[in-house]
């Protein structure tokens, strides 16, 4: 497995953003489950609510900010590049959700990076069976990193199915 190469972009002034080393560890935990995955380069951009809302509106036709947006890289035919794509993480939404779910900001950031990276690898949660498979992977990866189950009832009391589907 190639070590992840992450372009960490910070467009906001905020305390508690994950470090480069943390991002690399979290992405490596995802990629480590994909032994034959040659793609290992991605951008992780931390944004404010306005940028998240603008991107979510433009690309998903939803006029609200969201926790993480995933933009998989689509290689031109016949071209093989190590690019996975881009993750855009909205700091104010992560902070709010962590408080609502009674978990640490650090744990919620780890979840958003794992969740978004799985999206870049083609996983989704539109159908119930897809959601179950993706959530199982998230739980296993986060547990391997020492984080609690992000979907445990004590962590998810204020979440709804619609909020989860927006991730």
N, C-alpha and C. Protein backbone atom coordinates (compact mmCIF):
# COMPACT_ATOMS: atom_id res chain seq x y z
N UNK A 1 0.84 -1.18 0.00
CA UNK A 1 0.00 0.00 0.00
C UNK A 1 0.89 1.25 0.00
N UNK A 2 0.53 2.18 -0.85
CA UNK A 2 1.20 3.47 -0.85
C UNK A 2 0.70 4.30 0.33
N UNK A 3 1.61 5.03 0.95
CA UNK A 3 1.19 5.95 2.00
C UNK A 3 0.39 7.07 1.38
N UNK A 4 -0.64 7.54 2.08
CA UNK A 4 -1.45 8.62 1.50
C UNK A 4 -0.63 9.91 1.37
N UNK A 5 -0.89 10.59 0.29
CA UNK A 5 -0.30 11.90 0.05
C UNK A 5 -1.47 12.89 0.09
N UNK A 6 -1.50 13.74 1.10
CA UNK A 6 -2.65 14.60 1.33
C UNK A 6 -2.25 16.06 1.22
N UNK A 7 -2.99 16.77 0.38
CA UNK A 7 -2.87 18.22 0.29
C UNK A 7 -3.89 18.78 1.28
N UNK A 8 -3.42 19.23 2.45
CA UNK A 8 -4.29 19.76 3.51
C UNK A 8 -4.46 21.25 3.27
N UNK A 9 -5.71 21.65 2.98
CA UNK A 9 -6.02 23.05 2.72
C UNK A 9 -6.93 23.59 3.81
N UNK A 10 -6.54 24.71 4.40
CA UNK A 10 -7.31 25.33 5.47
C UNK A 10 -7.70 26.73 5.01
N UNK A 11 -9.00 26.96 4.85
CA UNK A 11 -9.48 28.25 4.36
C UNK A 11 -10.14 29.08 5.45
N UNK A 12 -10.09 28.58 6.69
CA UNK A 12 -10.76 29.23 7.81
C UNK A 12 -9.79 29.37 8.99
N UNK A 13 -10.11 30.25 9.89
CA UNK A 13 -9.38 30.34 11.15
C UNK A 13 -10.20 29.56 12.17
N UNK A 14 -9.63 28.46 12.66
CA UNK A 14 -10.38 27.60 13.57
C UNK A 14 -9.42 26.80 14.43
N UNK A 15 -9.81 26.58 15.66
CA UNK A 15 -9.05 25.72 16.56
C UNK A 15 -9.53 24.29 16.41
N UNK A 16 -8.65 23.34 16.65
CA UNK A 16 -9.04 21.94 16.71
C UNK A 16 -9.12 21.23 15.38
N UNK A 17 -8.54 21.80 14.31
CA UNK A 17 -8.54 21.09 13.03
C UNK A 17 -7.54 19.94 13.10
N UNK A 18 -7.82 18.84 12.43
CA UNK A 18 -6.88 17.71 12.43
C UNK A 18 -5.54 18.10 11.81
N UNK A 19 -4.49 17.52 12.33
CA UNK A 19 -3.15 17.75 11.81
C UNK A 19 -2.92 16.93 10.54
N UNK A 20 -1.86 17.24 9.85
CA UNK A 20 -1.47 16.47 8.66
C UNK A 20 -1.26 15.00 9.04
N UNK A 21 -0.57 14.76 10.14
CA UNK A 21 -0.30 13.38 10.57
C UNK A 21 -1.59 12.62 10.88
N UNK A 22 -2.54 13.28 11.53
CA UNK A 22 -3.82 12.62 11.82
C UNK A 22 -4.55 12.28 10.54
N UNK A 23 -4.62 13.22 9.60
CA UNK A 23 -5.29 12.96 8.33
C UNK A 23 -4.65 11.78 7.62
N UNK A 24 -3.32 11.75 7.59
CA UNK A 24 -2.61 10.65 6.92
C UNK A 24 -2.92 9.31 7.59
N UNK A 25 -2.97 9.28 8.91
CA UNK A 25 -3.27 8.04 9.63
C UNK A 25 -4.69 7.57 9.34
N UNK A 26 -5.64 8.50 9.35
CA UNK A 26 -7.03 8.13 9.12
C UNK A 26 -7.25 7.62 7.70
N UNK A 27 -6.66 8.30 6.72
CA UNK A 27 -6.80 7.86 5.32
C UNK A 27 -6.07 6.54 5.12
N UNK A 28 -4.88 6.39 5.72
CA UNK A 28 -4.13 5.13 5.60
C UNK A 28 -4.94 3.95 6.14
N UNK A 29 -5.70 4.18 7.23
CA UNK A 29 -6.52 3.11 7.79
C UNK A 29 -7.58 2.66 6.79
N UNK A 30 -8.12 3.58 6.01
CA UNK A 30 -9.10 3.23 4.98
C UNK A 30 -8.41 2.51 3.83
N UNK A 31 -7.33 3.10 3.33
CA UNK A 31 -6.64 2.51 2.19
C UNK A 31 -6.03 1.15 2.52
N UNK A 32 -5.69 0.94 3.78
CA UNK A 32 -5.13 -0.35 4.20
C UNK A 32 -6.10 -1.50 4.03
N UNK A 33 -7.37 -1.20 3.93
CA UNK A 33 -8.39 -2.24 3.72
C UNK A 33 -8.59 -2.53 2.23
N UNK A 34 -7.91 -1.76 1.39
CA UNK A 34 -8.01 -1.91 -0.06
C UNK A 34 -6.62 -2.25 -0.58
N UNK A 35 -6.17 -3.47 -0.38
CA UNK A 35 -4.79 -3.86 -0.65
C UNK A 35 -4.31 -3.53 -2.06
N UNK A 36 -5.19 -3.63 -3.02
CA UNK A 36 -4.79 -3.41 -4.41
C UNK A 36 -5.12 -2.01 -4.92
N UNK A 37 -5.44 -1.09 -4.02
CA UNK A 37 -5.83 0.27 -4.42
C UNK A 37 -4.58 1.11 -4.71
N UNK A 38 -4.37 1.48 -5.99
CA UNK A 38 -3.19 2.28 -6.32
C UNK A 38 -3.36 3.77 -6.06
N UNK A 39 -4.61 4.22 -5.91
CA UNK A 39 -4.85 5.65 -5.70
C UNK A 39 -4.61 6.00 -4.23
N UNK A 40 -3.84 7.04 -3.98
CA UNK A 40 -3.50 7.39 -2.61
C UNK A 40 -3.31 8.90 -2.41
N UNK A 41 -3.57 9.70 -3.43
CA UNK A 41 -3.41 11.15 -3.33
C UNK A 41 -4.78 11.81 -3.27
N UNK A 42 -4.95 12.74 -2.32
CA UNK A 42 -6.21 13.46 -2.21
C UNK A 42 -5.99 14.81 -1.56
N UNK A 43 -6.97 15.66 -1.73
CA UNK A 43 -7.01 16.96 -1.08
C UNK A 43 -8.08 16.91 -0.01
N UNK A 44 -7.75 17.44 1.17
CA UNK A 44 -8.74 17.60 2.22
C UNK A 44 -8.75 19.09 2.56
N UNK A 45 -9.90 19.70 2.31
CA UNK A 45 -10.05 21.15 2.45
C UNK A 45 -11.04 21.45 3.57
N UNK A 46 -10.63 22.29 4.53
CA UNK A 46 -11.48 22.70 5.64
C UNK A 46 -12.06 24.06 5.33
N UNK A 47 -13.40 24.15 5.36
CA UNK A 47 -14.08 25.36 4.91
C UNK A 47 -15.10 25.85 5.94
N UNK A 48 -15.62 27.05 5.68
CA UNK A 48 -16.69 27.62 6.49
C UNK A 48 -18.04 27.19 5.92
N UNK A 49 -19.10 27.58 6.61
CA UNK A 49 -20.45 27.18 6.19
C UNK A 49 -20.83 27.73 4.83
N UNK A 50 -20.39 28.95 4.51
CA UNK A 50 -20.76 29.57 3.23
C UNK A 50 -20.17 28.80 2.06
N UNK A 51 -18.91 28.41 2.15
CA UNK A 51 -18.30 27.65 1.06
C UNK A 51 -18.93 26.27 0.93
N UNK A 52 -19.19 25.63 2.07
CA UNK A 52 -19.84 24.31 2.04
C UNK A 52 -21.21 24.41 1.39
N UNK A 53 -21.98 25.42 1.78
CA UNK A 53 -23.32 25.60 1.22
C UNK A 53 -23.25 25.85 -0.29
N UNK A 54 -22.32 26.69 -0.73
CA UNK A 54 -22.20 26.99 -2.15
C UNK A 54 -21.85 25.74 -2.95
N UNK A 55 -20.91 24.94 -2.45
CA UNK A 55 -20.53 23.71 -3.15
C UNK A 55 -21.66 22.68 -3.13
N UNK A 56 -22.32 22.55 -1.99
CA UNK A 56 -23.42 21.60 -1.87
C UNK A 56 -24.57 21.99 -2.81
N UNK A 57 -24.82 23.29 -2.92
CA UNK A 57 -25.87 23.76 -3.82
C UNK A 57 -25.49 23.52 -5.27
N UNK A 58 -24.26 23.85 -5.62
CA UNK A 58 -23.82 23.71 -7.02
C UNK A 58 -23.76 22.25 -7.48
N UNK A 59 -23.24 21.37 -6.63
CA UNK A 59 -22.99 20.00 -7.07
C UNK A 59 -24.05 18.99 -6.62
N UNK A 60 -24.82 19.31 -5.57
CA UNK A 60 -25.81 18.35 -5.08
C UNK A 60 -27.21 18.96 -5.05
N UNK A 61 -27.32 20.21 -5.46
CA UNK A 61 -28.61 20.91 -5.53
C UNK A 61 -29.32 20.94 -4.18
N UNK A 62 -28.52 21.06 -3.11
CA UNK A 62 -29.04 21.20 -1.75
C UNK A 62 -28.50 22.51 -1.19
N UNK A 63 -29.40 23.39 -0.81
CA UNK A 63 -29.01 24.73 -0.41
C UNK A 63 -28.77 24.81 1.10
N UNK A 64 -27.79 24.04 1.58
CA UNK A 64 -27.40 24.05 2.99
C UNK A 64 -25.97 23.57 3.09
N UNK A 65 -25.29 23.98 4.15
CA UNK A 65 -23.95 23.44 4.38
C UNK A 65 -24.10 22.00 4.88
N UNK A 66 -23.04 21.22 4.71
CA UNK A 66 -23.05 19.82 5.12
C UNK A 66 -21.69 19.45 5.69
N UNK A 67 -21.61 18.35 6.40
CA UNK A 67 -20.38 17.99 7.09
C UNK A 67 -19.22 17.68 6.15
N UNK A 68 -19.44 16.82 5.17
CA UNK A 68 -18.36 16.46 4.26
C UNK A 68 -18.93 16.26 2.85
N UNK A 69 -18.21 16.80 1.89
CA UNK A 69 -18.52 16.58 0.49
C UNK A 69 -17.35 15.82 -0.12
N UNK A 70 -17.66 14.85 -0.96
CA UNK A 70 -16.64 14.03 -1.60
C UNK A 70 -16.71 14.22 -3.11
N UNK A 71 -15.56 14.48 -3.70
CA UNK A 71 -15.47 14.68 -5.14
C UNK A 71 -14.45 13.69 -5.70
N UNK A 72 -14.90 12.49 -6.11
CA UNK A 72 -13.96 11.50 -6.65
C UNK A 72 -13.32 12.00 -7.94
N UNK A 73 -12.05 11.70 -8.10
CA UNK A 73 -11.34 12.04 -9.33
C UNK A 73 -11.73 11.04 -10.41
N UNK A 74 -12.06 11.55 -11.58
CA UNK A 74 -12.39 10.68 -12.71
C UNK A 74 -11.28 10.82 -13.74
N UNK A 75 -10.50 9.78 -13.85
CA UNK A 75 -9.36 9.78 -14.76
C UNK A 75 -9.84 9.69 -16.20
N UNK A 76 -9.19 10.43 -17.10
CA UNK A 76 -9.54 10.31 -18.52
C UNK A 76 -9.26 8.88 -19.01
N UNK A 77 -9.98 8.42 -20.02
CA UNK A 77 -9.77 7.07 -20.54
C UNK A 77 -8.30 6.85 -20.91
N UNK A 78 -7.76 5.72 -20.46
CA UNK A 78 -6.39 5.35 -20.80
C UNK A 78 -5.33 6.01 -19.94
N UNK A 79 -5.73 6.83 -18.99
CA UNK A 79 -4.78 7.52 -18.12
C UNK A 79 -4.93 6.98 -16.70
N UNK A 80 -3.83 6.55 -16.11
CA UNK A 80 -3.86 6.03 -14.76
C UNK A 80 -3.07 6.97 -13.85
N UNK A 81 -3.76 7.57 -12.91
CA UNK A 81 -3.14 8.49 -11.97
C UNK A 81 -3.46 8.04 -10.54
N UNK A 82 -2.62 8.40 -9.58
CA UNK A 82 -2.85 7.97 -8.19
C UNK A 82 -3.85 8.85 -7.43
N UNK A 83 -4.63 9.66 -8.14
CA UNK A 83 -5.53 10.61 -7.50
C UNK A 83 -6.84 9.97 -7.08
N UNK A 84 -7.21 10.15 -5.82
CA UNK A 84 -8.50 9.70 -5.31
C UNK A 84 -9.56 10.76 -5.51
N UNK A 85 -9.23 12.01 -5.18
CA UNK A 85 -10.19 13.09 -5.31
C UNK A 85 -10.04 14.07 -4.18
N UNK A 86 -11.14 14.79 -3.90
CA UNK A 86 -11.13 15.86 -2.90
C UNK A 86 -12.22 15.64 -1.86
N UNK A 87 -11.89 15.96 -0.61
CA UNK A 87 -12.87 16.04 0.46
C UNK A 87 -12.95 17.48 0.90
N UNK A 88 -14.17 17.96 1.10
CA UNK A 88 -14.39 19.31 1.62
C UNK A 88 -15.16 19.12 2.92
N UNK A 89 -14.54 19.56 4.02
CA UNK A 89 -15.13 19.36 5.34
C UNK A 89 -15.47 20.72 5.94
N UNK A 90 -16.72 20.85 6.37
CA UNK A 90 -17.20 22.12 6.92
C UNK A 90 -17.02 22.13 8.44
N UNK A 91 -16.08 22.93 8.89
CA UNK A 91 -15.74 23.00 10.31
C UNK A 91 -16.96 23.34 11.20
N UNK A 92 -17.74 24.38 10.89
CA UNK A 92 -18.88 24.68 11.77
C UNK A 92 -19.89 23.54 11.88
N UNK A 93 -20.10 22.81 10.81
CA UNK A 93 -21.04 21.68 10.87
C UNK A 93 -20.46 20.55 11.71
N UNK A 94 -19.17 20.26 11.55
CA UNK A 94 -18.54 19.21 12.36
C UNK A 94 -18.60 19.57 13.84
N UNK A 95 -18.33 20.81 14.17
CA UNK A 95 -18.38 21.26 15.57
C UNK A 95 -19.80 21.11 16.13
N UNK A 96 -20.79 21.55 15.36
CA UNK A 96 -22.19 21.45 15.81
C UNK A 96 -22.61 19.99 15.98
N UNK A 97 -22.30 19.15 14.99
CA UNK A 97 -22.70 17.75 15.07
C UNK A 97 -22.01 17.02 16.21
N UNK A 98 -20.74 17.31 16.43
CA UNK A 98 -20.03 16.66 17.54
C UNK A 98 -20.72 16.98 18.87
N UNK A 99 -21.11 18.23 19.05
CA UNK A 99 -21.82 18.63 20.28
C UNK A 99 -23.18 17.93 20.37
N UNK A 100 -23.92 17.92 19.26
CA UNK A 100 -25.24 17.28 19.25
C UNK A 100 -25.16 15.78 19.52
N UNK A 101 -24.08 15.16 19.04
CA UNK A 101 -23.92 13.71 19.18
C UNK A 101 -23.13 13.33 20.43
N UNK A 102 -22.78 14.33 21.23
CA UNK A 102 -22.06 14.12 22.48
C UNK A 102 -20.79 13.29 22.28
N UNK A 103 -19.99 13.73 21.31
CA UNK A 103 -18.70 13.09 21.09
C UNK A 103 -17.66 14.17 20.84
N UNK A 104 -16.42 13.79 20.91
CA UNK A 104 -15.36 14.78 20.74
C UNK A 104 -15.29 15.24 19.28
N UNK A 105 -14.86 16.45 19.12
CA UNK A 105 -14.65 16.99 17.78
C UNK A 105 -13.63 16.13 17.02
N UNK A 106 -12.59 15.70 17.74
CA UNK A 106 -11.54 14.87 17.16
C UNK A 106 -12.13 13.57 16.59
N UNK A 107 -12.99 12.91 17.36
CA UNK A 107 -13.62 11.66 16.91
C UNK A 107 -14.51 11.91 15.71
N UNK A 108 -15.23 13.04 15.72
CA UNK A 108 -16.14 13.32 14.60
C UNK A 108 -15.34 13.65 13.33
N UNK A 109 -14.23 14.36 13.49
CA UNK A 109 -13.37 14.62 12.33
C UNK A 109 -12.84 13.31 11.76
N UNK A 110 -12.40 12.40 12.63
CA UNK A 110 -11.92 11.10 12.14
C UNK A 110 -13.01 10.40 11.35
N UNK A 111 -14.24 10.44 11.88
CA UNK A 111 -15.36 9.81 11.19
C UNK A 111 -15.60 10.44 9.82
N UNK A 112 -15.58 11.77 9.75
CA UNK A 112 -15.84 12.46 8.48
C UNK A 112 -14.76 12.14 7.44
N UNK A 113 -13.51 12.03 7.87
CA UNK A 113 -12.42 11.69 6.94
C UNK A 113 -12.56 10.25 6.46
N UNK A 114 -12.85 9.33 7.36
CA UNK A 114 -13.05 7.93 6.98
C UNK A 114 -14.26 7.82 6.05
N UNK A 115 -15.36 8.43 6.44
CA UNK A 115 -16.59 8.40 5.64
C UNK A 115 -16.34 8.96 4.24
N UNK A 116 -15.74 10.14 4.18
CA UNK A 116 -15.48 10.77 2.89
C UNK A 116 -14.53 9.97 2.02
N UNK A 117 -13.50 9.39 2.62
CA UNK A 117 -12.54 8.58 1.86
C UNK A 117 -13.22 7.34 1.29
N UNK A 118 -14.10 6.73 2.07
CA UNK A 118 -14.86 5.59 1.53
C UNK A 118 -15.71 6.02 0.33
N UNK A 119 -16.30 7.20 0.39
CA UNK A 119 -17.02 7.71 -0.78
C UNK A 119 -16.09 7.84 -1.98
N UNK A 120 -14.89 8.36 -1.76
CA UNK A 120 -13.93 8.51 -2.87
C UNK A 120 -13.59 7.16 -3.49
N UNK A 121 -13.66 6.11 -2.70
CA UNK A 121 -13.38 4.76 -3.18
C UNK A 121 -14.60 4.09 -3.81
N UNK A 122 -15.73 4.80 -3.84
CA UNK A 122 -16.92 4.27 -4.51
C UNK A 122 -18.01 3.75 -3.61
N UNK A 123 -17.82 3.80 -2.30
CA UNK A 123 -18.86 3.34 -1.38
C UNK A 123 -19.95 4.40 -1.29
N UNK A 124 -21.17 3.95 -1.01
CA UNK A 124 -22.29 4.88 -0.89
C UNK A 124 -23.27 4.37 0.15
N UNK A 125 -24.29 5.18 0.44
CA UNK A 125 -25.29 4.81 1.44
C UNK A 125 -26.68 5.26 1.02
N UNK A 126 -26.94 5.21 -0.28
CA UNK A 126 -28.25 5.60 -0.78
C UNK A 126 -29.31 4.54 -0.50
N UNK A 127 -28.92 3.30 -0.63
CA UNK A 127 -29.83 2.17 -0.35
C UNK A 127 -29.48 1.59 1.01
N UNK A 128 -30.46 0.94 1.65
CA UNK A 128 -30.25 0.40 3.00
C UNK A 128 -29.08 -0.58 3.06
N UNK A 129 -28.97 -1.47 2.07
CA UNK A 129 -27.88 -2.46 2.10
C UNK A 129 -26.53 -1.79 1.91
N UNK A 130 -26.46 -0.74 1.08
CA UNK A 130 -25.23 0.02 0.91
C UNK A 130 -24.86 0.73 2.21
N UNK A 131 -25.85 1.33 2.85
CA UNK A 131 -25.62 2.05 4.11
C UNK A 131 -25.10 1.10 5.18
N UNK A 132 -25.71 -0.08 5.26
CA UNK A 132 -25.27 -1.06 6.26
C UNK A 132 -23.82 -1.49 6.01
N UNK A 133 -23.48 -1.75 4.75
CA UNK A 133 -22.11 -2.17 4.42
C UNK A 133 -21.10 -1.04 4.70
N UNK A 134 -21.46 0.18 4.32
CA UNK A 134 -20.55 1.30 4.52
C UNK A 134 -20.38 1.60 6.01
N UNK A 135 -21.46 1.57 6.76
CA UNK A 135 -21.38 1.83 8.19
C UNK A 135 -20.56 0.76 8.90
N UNK A 136 -20.67 -0.49 8.46
CA UNK A 136 -19.86 -1.56 9.04
C UNK A 136 -18.38 -1.29 8.81
N UNK A 137 -18.03 -0.90 7.59
CA UNK A 137 -16.63 -0.54 7.30
C UNK A 137 -16.17 0.62 8.17
N UNK A 138 -17.00 1.65 8.28
CA UNK A 138 -16.65 2.81 9.10
C UNK A 138 -16.39 2.38 10.55
N UNK A 139 -17.28 1.57 11.09
CA UNK A 139 -17.12 1.11 12.48
C UNK A 139 -15.80 0.36 12.66
N UNK A 140 -15.50 -0.55 11.72
CA UNK A 140 -14.29 -1.36 11.82
C UNK A 140 -13.03 -0.49 11.72
N UNK A 141 -13.03 0.42 10.76
CA UNK A 141 -11.86 1.29 10.56
C UNK A 141 -11.67 2.20 11.76
N UNK A 142 -12.74 2.83 12.22
CA UNK A 142 -12.63 3.73 13.36
C UNK A 142 -12.22 2.97 14.63
N UNK A 143 -12.72 1.76 14.82
CA UNK A 143 -12.32 0.95 15.97
C UNK A 143 -10.82 0.64 15.91
N UNK A 144 -10.31 0.37 14.70
CA UNK A 144 -8.87 0.08 14.55
C UNK A 144 -8.03 1.30 14.90
N UNK A 145 -8.63 2.48 14.84
CA UNK A 145 -7.95 3.73 15.19
C UNK A 145 -8.20 4.15 16.64
N UNK A 146 -8.99 3.34 17.36
CA UNK A 146 -9.26 3.63 18.77
C UNK A 146 -10.47 4.52 19.02
N UNK A 147 -11.33 4.67 18.02
CA UNK A 147 -12.53 5.51 18.17
C UNK A 147 -13.76 4.64 18.40
N UNK A 148 -14.71 5.18 19.17
CA UNK A 148 -15.97 4.49 19.45
C UNK A 148 -16.84 4.44 18.19
N UNK A 149 -17.81 3.57 18.23
CA UNK A 149 -18.78 3.41 17.15
C UNK A 149 -19.53 4.73 16.94
N UNK A 150 -19.37 5.37 15.77
CA UNK A 150 -20.03 6.66 15.54
C UNK A 150 -21.54 6.54 15.39
N UNK A 151 -22.03 5.33 15.18
CA UNK A 151 -23.46 5.12 14.99
C UNK A 151 -24.14 4.54 16.23
N UNK A 152 -23.40 4.38 17.32
CA UNK A 152 -23.99 3.88 18.56
C UNK A 152 -25.08 4.85 19.02
N UNK A 153 -26.18 4.34 19.56
CA UNK A 153 -27.28 5.22 19.96
C UNK A 153 -26.86 6.38 20.86
N UNK A 154 -25.93 6.16 21.75
CA UNK A 154 -25.51 7.25 22.64
C UNK A 154 -24.80 8.37 21.87
N UNK A 155 -24.24 8.04 20.71
CA UNK A 155 -23.57 9.03 19.88
C UNK A 155 -24.50 9.63 18.83
N UNK A 156 -25.66 9.05 18.63
CA UNK A 156 -26.49 9.44 17.49
C UNK A 156 -27.90 9.87 17.91
N UNK A 157 -28.12 10.15 19.16
CA UNK A 157 -29.48 10.46 19.63
C UNK A 157 -30.16 11.54 18.82
N UNK A 158 -29.44 12.56 18.36
CA UNK A 158 -30.08 13.68 17.68
C UNK A 158 -30.07 13.53 16.16
N UNK A 159 -29.48 12.47 15.65
CA UNK A 159 -29.41 12.31 14.20
C UNK A 159 -30.70 11.72 13.64
N UNK A 160 -30.95 12.05 12.40
CA UNK A 160 -32.06 11.45 11.69
C UNK A 160 -31.51 10.76 10.45
N UNK A 161 -32.28 9.93 9.85
CA UNK A 161 -31.88 9.26 8.61
C UNK A 161 -31.54 10.29 7.54
N UNK A 162 -32.30 11.39 7.46
CA UNK A 162 -32.02 12.41 6.45
C UNK A 162 -30.66 13.06 6.66
N UNK A 163 -30.29 13.33 7.92
CA UNK A 163 -28.98 13.92 8.17
C UNK A 163 -27.88 12.99 7.74
N UNK A 164 -28.01 11.67 8.02
CA UNK A 164 -27.00 10.71 7.64
C UNK A 164 -26.90 10.64 6.13
N UNK A 165 -27.99 10.70 5.44
CA UNK A 165 -27.99 10.61 3.98
C UNK A 165 -27.34 11.83 3.34
N UNK A 166 -27.25 12.94 4.06
CA UNK A 166 -26.61 14.14 3.51
C UNK A 166 -25.10 14.09 3.55
N UNK A 167 -24.55 13.17 4.29
CA UNK A 167 -23.08 13.13 4.44
C UNK A 167 -22.42 12.72 3.15
